[in-house]
Amino acid sequence: MMSPAEARSIVEALAIGVDPLSGELLSQHAVLRQPEVVRALFLASRALESALSREEEREGGEAAPAALVPPIIVARRRPRALAA
């Protein structure tokens, strides 16, 4: 079963236009690059982040700040746009 943290990392990768499995940039023409879809993905990512925070509070721990939660992208290589 996938954890909310893993799901959030995948949704975030898609929202920024990156294939979460390969690390490759998505095609400019992919439906996932459409503005409405990108906004929905970021909204979903924030909802998952809120769920993670509530879960941490229930367990008595402190939620990690969003910037410190490591991405769980299963890329074996850097996206082409970043490889130089």
PDB file of N, CA and C in Angstrom:
ATOM      1  N   MET A   1       0.840  -1.182   0.000  1.00  0.00           N
ATOM      2  CA  MET A   1       0.000   0.000   0.000  1.00  0.00           C
ATOM      3  C   MET A   1       0.882   1.241   0.000  1.00  0.00           C
ATOM      4  N   MET A   2       0.496   2.224  -0.770  1.00  0.00           N
ATOM      5  CA  MET A   2       1.272   3.454  -0.882  1.00  0.00           C
ATOM      6  C   MET A   2       0.956   4.389   0.283  1.00  0.00           C
ATOM      7  N   SER A   3       1.989   5.006   0.823  1.00  0.00           N
ATOM      8  CA  SER A   3       1.803   5.963   1.918  1.00  0.00           C
ATOM      9  C   SER A   3       1.398   7.324   1.345  1.00  0.00           C
ATOM     10  N   PRO A   4       0.773   8.165   2.166  1.00  0.00           N
ATOM     11  CA  PRO A   4       0.442   9.521   1.710  1.00  0.00           C
ATOM     12  C   PRO A   4       1.687  10.313   1.292  1.00  0.00           C
ATOM     13  N   ALA A   5       2.814  10.077   1.945  1.00  0.00           N
ATOM     14  CA  ALA A   5       4.051  10.783   1.576  1.00  0.00           C
ATOM     15  C   ALA A   5       4.514  10.377   0.179  1.00  0.00           C
ATOM     16  N   GLU A   6       4.420   9.080  -0.120  1.00  0.00           N
ATOM     17  CA  GLU A   6       4.806   8.613  -1.459  1.00  0.00           C
ATOM     18  C   GLU A   6       3.853   9.173  -2.512  1.00  0.00           C
ATOM     19  N   ALA A   7       2.562   9.161  -2.207  1.00  0.00           N
ATOM     20  CA  ALA A   7       1.572   9.690  -3.145  1.00  0.00           C
ATOM     21  C   ALA A   7       1.819  11.174  -3.392  1.00  0.00           C
ATOM     22  N   ARG A   8       2.137  11.903  -2.335  1.00  0.00           N
ATOM     23  CA  ARG A   8       2.396  13.339  -2.474  1.00  0.00           C
ATOM     24  C   ARG A   8       3.601  13.593  -3.374  1.00  0.00           C
ATOM     25  N   SER A   9       4.643  12.818  -3.205  1.00  0.00           N
ATOM     26  CA  SER A   9       5.831  12.992  -4.045  1.00  0.00           C
ATOM     27  C   SER A   9       5.518  12.744  -5.516  1.00  0.00           C
ATOM     28  N   ILE A  10       4.709  11.736  -5.783  1.00  0.00           N
ATOM     29  CA  ILE A  10       4.338  11.435  -7.170  1.00  0.00           C
ATOM     30  C   ILE A  10       3.488  12.551  -7.749  1.00  0.00           C
ATOM     31  N   VAL A  11       2.504  13.004  -6.989  1.00  0.00           N
ATOM     32  CA  VAL A  11       1.619  14.075  -7.463  1.00  0.00           C
ATOM     33  C   VAL A  11       2.421  15.358  -7.698  1.00  0.00           C
ATOM     34  N   GLU A  12       3.347  15.674  -6.791  1.00  0.00           N
ATOM     35  CA  GLU A  12       4.176  16.870  -6.956  1.00  0.00           C
ATOM     36  C   GLU A  12       5.054  16.786  -8.201  1.00  0.00           C
ATOM     37  N   ALA A  13       5.635  15.632  -8.435  1.00  0.00           N
ATOM     38  CA  ALA A  13       6.465  15.461  -9.630  1.00  0.00           C
ATOM     39  C   ALA A  13       5.632  15.712 -10.887  1.00  0.00           C
ATOM     40  N   LEU A  14       4.443  15.141 -10.926  1.00  0.00           N
ATOM     41  CA  LEU A  14       3.568  15.360 -12.083  1.00  0.00           C
ATOM     42  C   LEU A  14       3.197  16.835 -12.216  1.00  0.00           C
ATOM     43  N   ALA A  15       2.953  17.487 -11.092  1.00  0.00           N
ATOM     44  CA  ALA A  15       2.565  18.901 -11.122  1.00  0.00           C
ATOM     45  C   ALA A  15       3.665  19.789 -11.696  1.00  0.00           C
ATOM     46  N   ILE A  16       4.921  19.418 -11.472  1.00  0.00           N
ATOM     47  CA  ILE A  16       6.007  20.243 -12.015  1.00  0.00           C
ATOM     48  C   ILE A  16       6.464  19.763 -13.384  1.00  0.00           C
ATOM     49  N   GLY A  17       5.739  18.767 -13.923  1.00  0.00           N
ATOM     50  CA  GLY A  17       6.019  18.337 -15.289  1.00  0.00           C
ATOM     51  C   GLY A  17       7.088  17.272 -15.435  1.00  0.00           C
ATOM     52  N   VAL A  18       7.255  16.455 -14.403  1.00  0.00           N
ATOM     53  CA  VAL A  18       8.280  15.404 -14.427  1.00  0.00           C
ATOM     54  C   VAL A  18       7.615  14.048 -14.253  1.00  0.00           C
ATOM     55  N   ASP A  19       8.026  13.080 -15.053  1.00  0.00           N
ATOM     56  CA  ASP A  19       7.564  11.704 -14.894  1.00  0.00           C
ATOM     57  C   ASP A  19       8.158  11.181 -13.593  1.00  0.00           C
ATOM     58  N   PRO A  20       7.327  10.804 -12.615  1.00  0.00           N
ATOM     59  CA  PRO A  20       7.861  10.399 -11.310  1.00  0.00           C
ATOM     60  C   PRO A  20       8.642   9.083 -11.329  1.00  0.00           C
ATOM     61  N   LEU A  21       8.493   8.291 -12.354  1.00  0.00           N
ATOM     62  CA  LEU A  21       9.220   7.026 -12.411  1.00  0.00           C
ATOM     63  C   LEU A  21      10.546   7.137 -13.136  1.00  0.00           C
ATOM     64  N   SER A  22      10.569   7.900 -14.222  1.00  0.00           N
ATOM     65  CA  SER A  22      11.799   7.994 -15.002  1.00  0.00           C
ATOM     66  C   SER A  22      12.593   9.262 -14.720  1.00  0.00           C
ATOM     67  N   GLY A  23      11.942  10.282 -14.187  1.00  0.00           N
ATOM     68  CA  GLY A  23      12.609  11.561 -13.974  1.00  0.00           C
ATOM     69  C   GLY A  23      12.658  12.420 -15.222  1.00  0.00           C
ATOM     70  N   GLU A  24      12.105  11.921 -16.319  1.00  0.00           N
ATOM     71  CA  GLU A  24      12.103  12.665 -17.596  1.00  0.00           C
ATOM     72  C   GLU A  24      11.044  13.759 -17.544  1.00  0.00           C
ATOM     73  N   LEU A  25      11.311  14.840 -18.246  1.00  0.00           N
ATOM     74  CA  LEU A  25      10.313  15.898 -18.376  1.00  0.00           C
ATOM     75  C   LEU A  25       9.164  15.389 -19.233  1.00  0.00           C
ATOM     76  N   LEU A  26       7.956  15.761 -18.846  1.00  0.00           N
ATOM     77  CA  LEU A  26       6.787  15.382 -19.640  1.00  0.00           C
ATOM     78  C   LEU A  26       6.732  16.242 -20.892  1.00  0.00           C
ATOM     79  N   SER A  27       6.134  15.714 -21.917  1.00  0.00           N
ATOM     80  CA  SER A  27       5.951  16.450 -23.165  1.00  0.00           C
ATOM     81  C   SER A  27       5.126  17.706 -22.910  1.00  0.00           C
ATOM     82  N   GLN A  28       5.462  18.777 -23.608  1.00  0.00           N
ATOM     83  CA  GLN A  28       4.695  20.022 -23.491  1.00  0.00           C
ATOM     84  C   GLN A  28       3.236  19.807 -23.844  1.00  0.00           C
ATOM     85  N   HIS A  29       2.947  18.785 -24.632  1.00  0.00           N
ATOM     86  CA  HIS A  29       1.586  18.533 -25.107  1.00  0.00           C
ATOM     87  C   HIS A  29       0.833  17.538 -24.237  1.00  0.00           C
ATOM     88  N   ALA A  30       1.463  17.022 -23.206  1.00  0.00           N
ATOM     89  CA  ALA A  30       0.810  16.052 -22.327  1.00  0.00           C
ATOM     90  C   ALA A  30      -0.323  16.724 -21.571  1.00  0.00           C
ATOM     91  N   VAL A  31      -1.391  15.989 -21.363  1.00  0.00           N
ATOM     92  CA  VAL A  31      -2.542  16.535 -20.644  1.00  0.00           C
ATOM     93  C   VAL A  31      -2.133  16.992 -19.240  1.00  0.00           C
ATOM     94  N   LEU A  32      -1.141  16.350 -18.672  1.00  0.00           N
ATOM     95  CA  LEU A  32      -0.689  16.726 -17.332  1.00  0.00           C
ATOM     96  C   LEU A  32      -0.002  18.080 -17.295  1.00  0.00           C
ATOM     97  N   ARG A  33       0.274  18.677 -18.430  1.00  0.00           N
ATOM     98  CA  ARG A  33       0.906  19.998 -18.492  1.00  0.00           C
ATOM     99  C   ARG A  33      -0.122  21.106 -18.700  1.00  0.00           C
ATOM    100  N   GLN A  34      -1.403  20.749 -18.840  1.00  0.00           N
ATOM    101  CA  GLN A  34      -2.460  21.746 -19.020  1.00  0.00           C
ATOM    102  C   GLN A  34      -2.642  22.517 -17.709  1.00  0.00           C
ATOM    103  N   PRO A  35      -2.810  23.836 -17.774  1.00  0.00           N
ATOM    104  CA  PRO A  35      -2.887  24.653 -16.552  1.00  0.00           C
ATOM    105  C   PRO A  35      -3.917  24.176 -15.523  1.00  0.00           C
ATOM    106  N   GLU A  36      -5.106  23.780 -15.968  1.00  0.00           N
ATOM    107  CA  GLU A  36      -6.135  23.331 -15.026  1.00  0.00           C
ATOM    108  C   GLU A  36      -5.698  22.048 -14.316  1.00  0.00           C
ATOM    109  N   VAL A  37      -5.050  21.169 -15.053  1.00  0.00           N
ATOM    110  CA  VAL A  37      -4.593  19.905 -14.476  1.00  0.00           C
ATOM    111  C   VAL A  37      -3.452  20.169 -13.495  1.00  0.00           C
ATOM    112  N   VAL A  38      -2.543  21.061 -13.851  1.00  0.00           N
ATOM    113  CA  VAL A  38      -1.421  21.398 -12.964  1.00  0.00           C
ATOM    114  C   VAL A  38      -1.957  21.985 -11.660  1.00  0.00           C
ATOM    115  N   ARG A  39      -2.930  22.894 -11.750  1.00  0.00           N
ATOM    116  CA  ARG A  39      -3.520  23.473 -10.532  1.00  0.00           C
ATOM    117  C   ARG A  39      -4.170  22.382  -9.671  1.00  0.00           C
ATOM    118  N   ALA A  40      -4.874  21.451 -10.311  1.00  0.00           N
ATOM    119  CA  ALA A  40      -5.517  20.360  -9.570  1.00  0.00           C
ATOM    120  C   ALA A  40      -4.467  19.479  -8.880  1.00  0.00           C
ATOM    121  N   LEU A  41      -3.359  19.228  -9.564  1.00  0.00           N
ATOM    122  CA  LEU A  41      -2.300  18.411  -8.970  1.00  0.00           C
ATOM    123  C   LEU A  41      -1.670  19.109  -7.759  1.00  0.00           C
ATOM    124  N   PHE A  42      -1.437  20.420  -7.857  1.00  0.00           N
ATOM    125  CA  PHE A  42      -0.882  21.141  -6.714  1.00  0.00           C
ATOM    126  C   PHE A  42      -1.877  21.159  -5.552  1.00  0.00           C
ATOM    127  N   LEU A  43      -3.168  21.301  -5.858  1.00  0.00           N
ATOM    128  CA  LEU A  43      -4.190  21.258  -4.823  1.00  0.00           C
ATOM    129  C   LEU A  43      -4.192  19.886  -4.140  1.00  0.00           C
ATOM    130  N   ALA A  44      -4.095  18.834  -4.923  1.00  0.00           N
ATOM    131  CA  ALA A  44      -4.038  17.478  -4.368  1.00  0.00           C
ATOM    132  C   ALA A  44      -2.795  17.306  -3.497  1.00  0.00           C
ATOM    133  N   SER A  45      -1.685  17.858  -3.935  1.00  0.00           N
ATOM    134  CA  SER A  45      -0.450  17.773  -3.162  1.00  0.00           C
ATOM    135  C   SER A  45      -0.612  18.465  -1.810  1.00  0.00           C
ATOM    136  N   ARG A  46      -1.231  19.639  -1.807  1.00  0.00           N
ATOM    137  CA  ARG A  46      -1.463  20.351  -0.541  1.00  0.00           C
ATOM    138  C   ARG A  46      -2.404  19.570   0.367  1.00  0.00           C
ATOM    139  N   ALA A  47      -3.419  18.928  -0.221  1.00  0.00           N
ATOM    140  CA  ALA A  47      -4.347  18.126   0.578  1.00  0.00           C
ATOM    141  C   ALA A  47      -3.619  16.948   1.224  1.00  0.00           C
ATOM    142  N   LEU A  48      -2.751  16.303   0.467  1.00  0.00           N
ATOM    143  CA  LEU A  48      -1.959  15.205   1.027  1.00  0.00           C
ATOM    144  C   LEU A  48      -1.027  15.709   2.123  1.00  0.00           C
ATOM    145  N   GLU A  49      -0.447  16.885   1.929  1.00  0.00           N
ATOM    146  CA  GLU A  49       0.428  17.470   2.942  1.00  0.00           C
ATOM    147  C   GLU A  49      -0.353  17.729   4.231  1.00  0.00           C
ATOM    148  N   SER A  50      -1.572  18.251   4.100  1.00  0.00           N
ATOM    149  CA  SER A  50      -2.412  18.488   5.275  1.00  0.00           C
ATOM    150  C   SER A  50      -2.740  17.180   5.985  1.00  0.00           C
ATOM    151  N   ALA A  51      -3.042  16.153   5.207  1.00  0.00           N
ATOM    152  CA  ALA A  51      -3.343  14.846   5.799  1.00  0.00           C
ATOM    153  C   ALA A  51      -2.129  14.312   6.549  1.00  0.00           C
ATOM    154  N   LEU A  52      -0.953  14.487   5.974  1.00  0.00           N
ATOM    155  CA  LEU A  52       0.275  14.043   6.647  1.00  0.00           C
ATOM    156  C   LEU A  52       0.481  14.805   7.954  1.00  0.00           C
ATOM    157  N   SER A  53       0.227  16.100   7.939  1.00  0.00           N
ATOM    158  CA  SER A  53       0.389  16.916   9.150  1.00  0.00           C
ATOM    159  C   SER A  53      -0.581  16.475  10.237  1.00  0.00           C
ATOM    160  N   ARG A  54      -1.844  16.234   9.851  1.00  0.00           N
ATOM    161  CA  ARG A  54      -2.842  15.779  10.833  1.00  0.00           C
ATOM    162  C   ARG A  54      -2.458  14.419  11.405  1.00  0.00           C
ATOM    163  N   GLU A  55      -1.942  13.541  10.553  1.00  0.00           N
ATOM    164  CA  GLU A  55      -1.520  12.214  11.006  1.00  0.00           C
ATOM    165  C   GLU A  55      -0.382  12.322  12.008  1.00  0.00           C
ATOM    166  N   GLU A  56       0.569  13.186  11.725  1.00  0.00           N
ATOM    167  CA  GLU A  56       1.701  13.392  12.644  1.00  0.00           C
ATOM    168  C   GLU A  56       1.213  13.940  13.978  1.00  0.00           C
ATOM    169  N   GLU A  57       0.270  14.897  13.934  1.00  0.00           N
ATOM    170  CA  GLU A  57      -0.247  15.485  15.175  1.00  0.00           C
ATOM    171  C   GLU A  57      -0.960  14.440  16.020  1.00  0.00           C
ATOM    172  N   ARG A  58      -1.723  13.549  15.352  1.00  0.00           N
ATOM    173  CA  ARG A  58      -2.426  12.485  16.078  1.00  0.00           C
ATOM    174  C   ARG A  58      -1.445  11.535  16.739  1.00  0.00           C
ATOM    175  N   GLU A  59      -0.326  11.311  16.097  1.00  0.00           N
ATOM    176  CA  GLU A  59       0.679  10.396  16.643  1.00  0.00           C
ATOM    177  C   GLU A  59       1.561  11.074  17.682  1.00  0.00           C
ATOM    178  N   GLY A  60       1.328  12.352  17.909  1.00  0.00           N
ATOM    179  CA  GLY A  60       2.082  13.063  18.925  1.00  0.00           C
ATOM    180  C   GLY A  60       3.419  13.602  18.469  1.00  0.00           C
ATOM    181  N   GLY A  61       3.745  13.419  17.213  1.00  0.00           N
ATOM    182  CA  GLY A  61       5.007  13.936  16.682  1.00  0.00           C
ATOM    183  C   GLY A  61       4.792  15.261  15.995  1.00  0.00           C
ATOM    184  N   GLU A  62       5.857  15.807  15.554  1.00  0.00           N
ATOM    185  CA  GLU A  62       5.773  17.054  14.800  1.00  0.00           C
ATOM    186  C   GLU A  62       5.853  16.734  13.326  1.00  0.00           C
ATOM    187  N   ALA A  63       5.023  17.412  12.558  1.00  0.00           N
ATOM    188  CA  ALA A  63       5.044  17.229  11.109  1.00  0.00           C
ATOM    189  C   ALA A  63       6.289  17.894  10.545  1.00  0.00           C
ATOM    190  N   ALA A  64       6.928  17.231   9.625  1.00  0.00           N
ATOM    191  CA  ALA A  64       8.099  17.813   8.972  1.00  0.00           C
ATOM    192  C   ALA A  64       7.639  18.922   8.035  1.00  0.00           C
ATOM    193  N   PRO A  65       8.350  20.046   8.012  1.00  0.00           N
ATOM    194  CA  PRO A  65       7.993  21.090   7.056  1.00  0.00           C
ATOM    195  C   PRO A  65       8.050  20.551   5.638  1.00  0.00           C
ATOM    196  N   ALA A  66       7.177  21.058   4.786  1.00  0.00           N
ATOM    197  CA  ALA A  66       7.073  20.553   3.413  1.00  0.00           C
ATOM    198  C   ALA A  66       8.418  20.582   2.697  1.00  0.00           C
ATOM    199  N   ALA A  67       9.215  21.606   2.928  1.00  0.00           N
ATOM    200  CA  ALA A  67      10.482  21.734   2.222  1.00  0.00           C
ATOM    201  C   ALA A  67      11.479  20.659   2.657  1.00  0.00           C
ATOM    202  N   LEU A  68      11.249  20.056   3.835  1.00  0.00           N
ATOM    203  CA  LEU A  68      12.192  19.070   4.330  1.00  0.00           C
ATOM    204  C   LEU A  68      11.761  17.640   4.056  1.00  0.00           C
ATOM    205  N   VAL A  69      10.574  17.458   3.505  1.00  0.00           N
ATOM    206  CA  VAL A  69      10.115  16.117   3.169  1.00  0.00           C
ATOM    207  C   VAL A  69      10.791  15.715   1.863  1.00  0.00           C
ATOM    208  N   PRO A  70      11.629  14.690   1.890  1.00  0.00           N
ATOM    209  CA  PRO A  70      12.364  14.326   0.671  1.00  0.00           C
ATOM    210  C   PRO A  70      11.432  13.751  -0.393  1.00  0.00           C
ATOM    211  N   PRO A  71      11.673  14.078  -1.647  1.00  0.00           N
ATOM    212  CA  PRO A  71      10.851  13.495  -2.708  1.00  0.00           C
ATOM    213  C   PRO A  71      11.134  12.008  -2.839  1.00  0.00           C
ATOM    214  N   ILE A  72      10.120  11.264  -3.223  1.00  0.00           N
ATOM    215  CA  ILE A  72      10.270   9.819  -3.365  1.00  0.00           C
ATOM    216  C   ILE A  72      10.136   9.464  -4.840  1.00  0.00           C
ATOM    217  N   ILE A  73      10.804  10.192  -5.665  1.00  0.00           N
ATOM    218  CA  ILE A  73      10.771   9.932  -7.090  1.00  0.00           C
ATOM    219  C   ILE A  73      11.747   8.797  -7.370  1.00  0.00           C
ATOM    220  N   VAL A  74      11.316   7.824  -8.130  1.00  0.00           N
ATOM    221  CA  VAL A  74      12.103   6.623  -8.360  1.00  0.00           C
ATOM    222  C   VAL A  74      12.963   6.775  -9.611  1.00  0.00           C
ATOM    223  N   ALA A  75      13.464   7.948  -9.842  1.00  0.00           N
ATOM    224  CA  ALA A  75      14.272   8.193 -11.034  1.00  0.00           C
ATOM    225  C   ALA A  75      15.668   7.615 -10.848  1.00  0.00           C
ATOM    226  N   ARG A  76      16.163   7.000 -11.884  1.00  0.00           N
ATOM    227  CA  ARG A  76      17.516   6.453 -11.861  1.00  0.00           C
ATOM    228  C   ARG A  76      18.504   7.426 -12.509  1.00  0.00           C
ATOM    229  N   ARG A  77      17.962   8.411 -13.180  1.00  0.00           N
ATOM    230  CA  ARG A  77      18.825   9.402 -13.832  1.00  0.00           C
ATOM    231  C   ARG A  77      18.150  10.758 -13.754  1.00  0.00           C
ATOM    232  N   ARG A  78      18.931  11.785 -13.961  1.00  0.00           N
ATOM    233  CA  ARG A  78      18.416  13.138 -13.891  1.00  0.00           C
ATOM    234  C   ARG A  78      17.586  13.449 -15.132  1.00  0.00           C
ATOM    235  N   PRO A  79      16.571  14.329 -14.983  1.00  0.00           N
ATOM    236  CA  PRO A  79      15.807  14.729 -16.158  1.00  0.00           C
ATOM    237  C   PRO A  79      16.733  15.360 -17.200  1.00  0.00           C
ATOM    238  N   ARG A  80      16.380  15.165 -18.444  1.00  0.00           N
ATOM    239  CA  ARG A  80      17.227  15.694 -19.520  1.00  0.00           C
ATOM    240  C   ARG A  80      17.480  17.179 -19.374  1.00  0.00           C
ATOM    241  N   ALA A  81      16.479  17.923 -18.930  1.00  0.00           N
ATOM    242  CA  ALA A  81      16.633  19.374 -18.814  1.00  0.00           C
ATOM    243  C   ALA A  81      17.661  19.730 -17.742  1.00  0.00           C
ATOM    244  N   LEU A  82      17.868  18.847 -16.754  1.00  0.00           N
ATOM    245  CA  LEU A  82      18.820  19.137 -15.688  1.00  0.00           C
ATOM    246  C   LEU A  82      20.196  18.517 -15.923  1.00  0.00           C
ATOM    247  N   ALA A  83      20.245  17.536 -16.781  1.00  0.00           N
ATOM    248  CA  ALA A  83      21.537  16.886 -17.067  1.00  0.00           C
ATOM    249  C   ALA A  83      22.379  17.787 -17.949  1.00  0.00           C
ATOM    250  N   ALA A  84      23.528  18.098 -17.468  1.00  0.00           N
ATOM    251  CA  ALA A  84      24.416  18.964 -18.260  1.00  0.00           C
ATOM    252  C   ALA A  84      25.856  18.610 -18.014  1.00  0.00           C
TER     253      ALA A  84
END
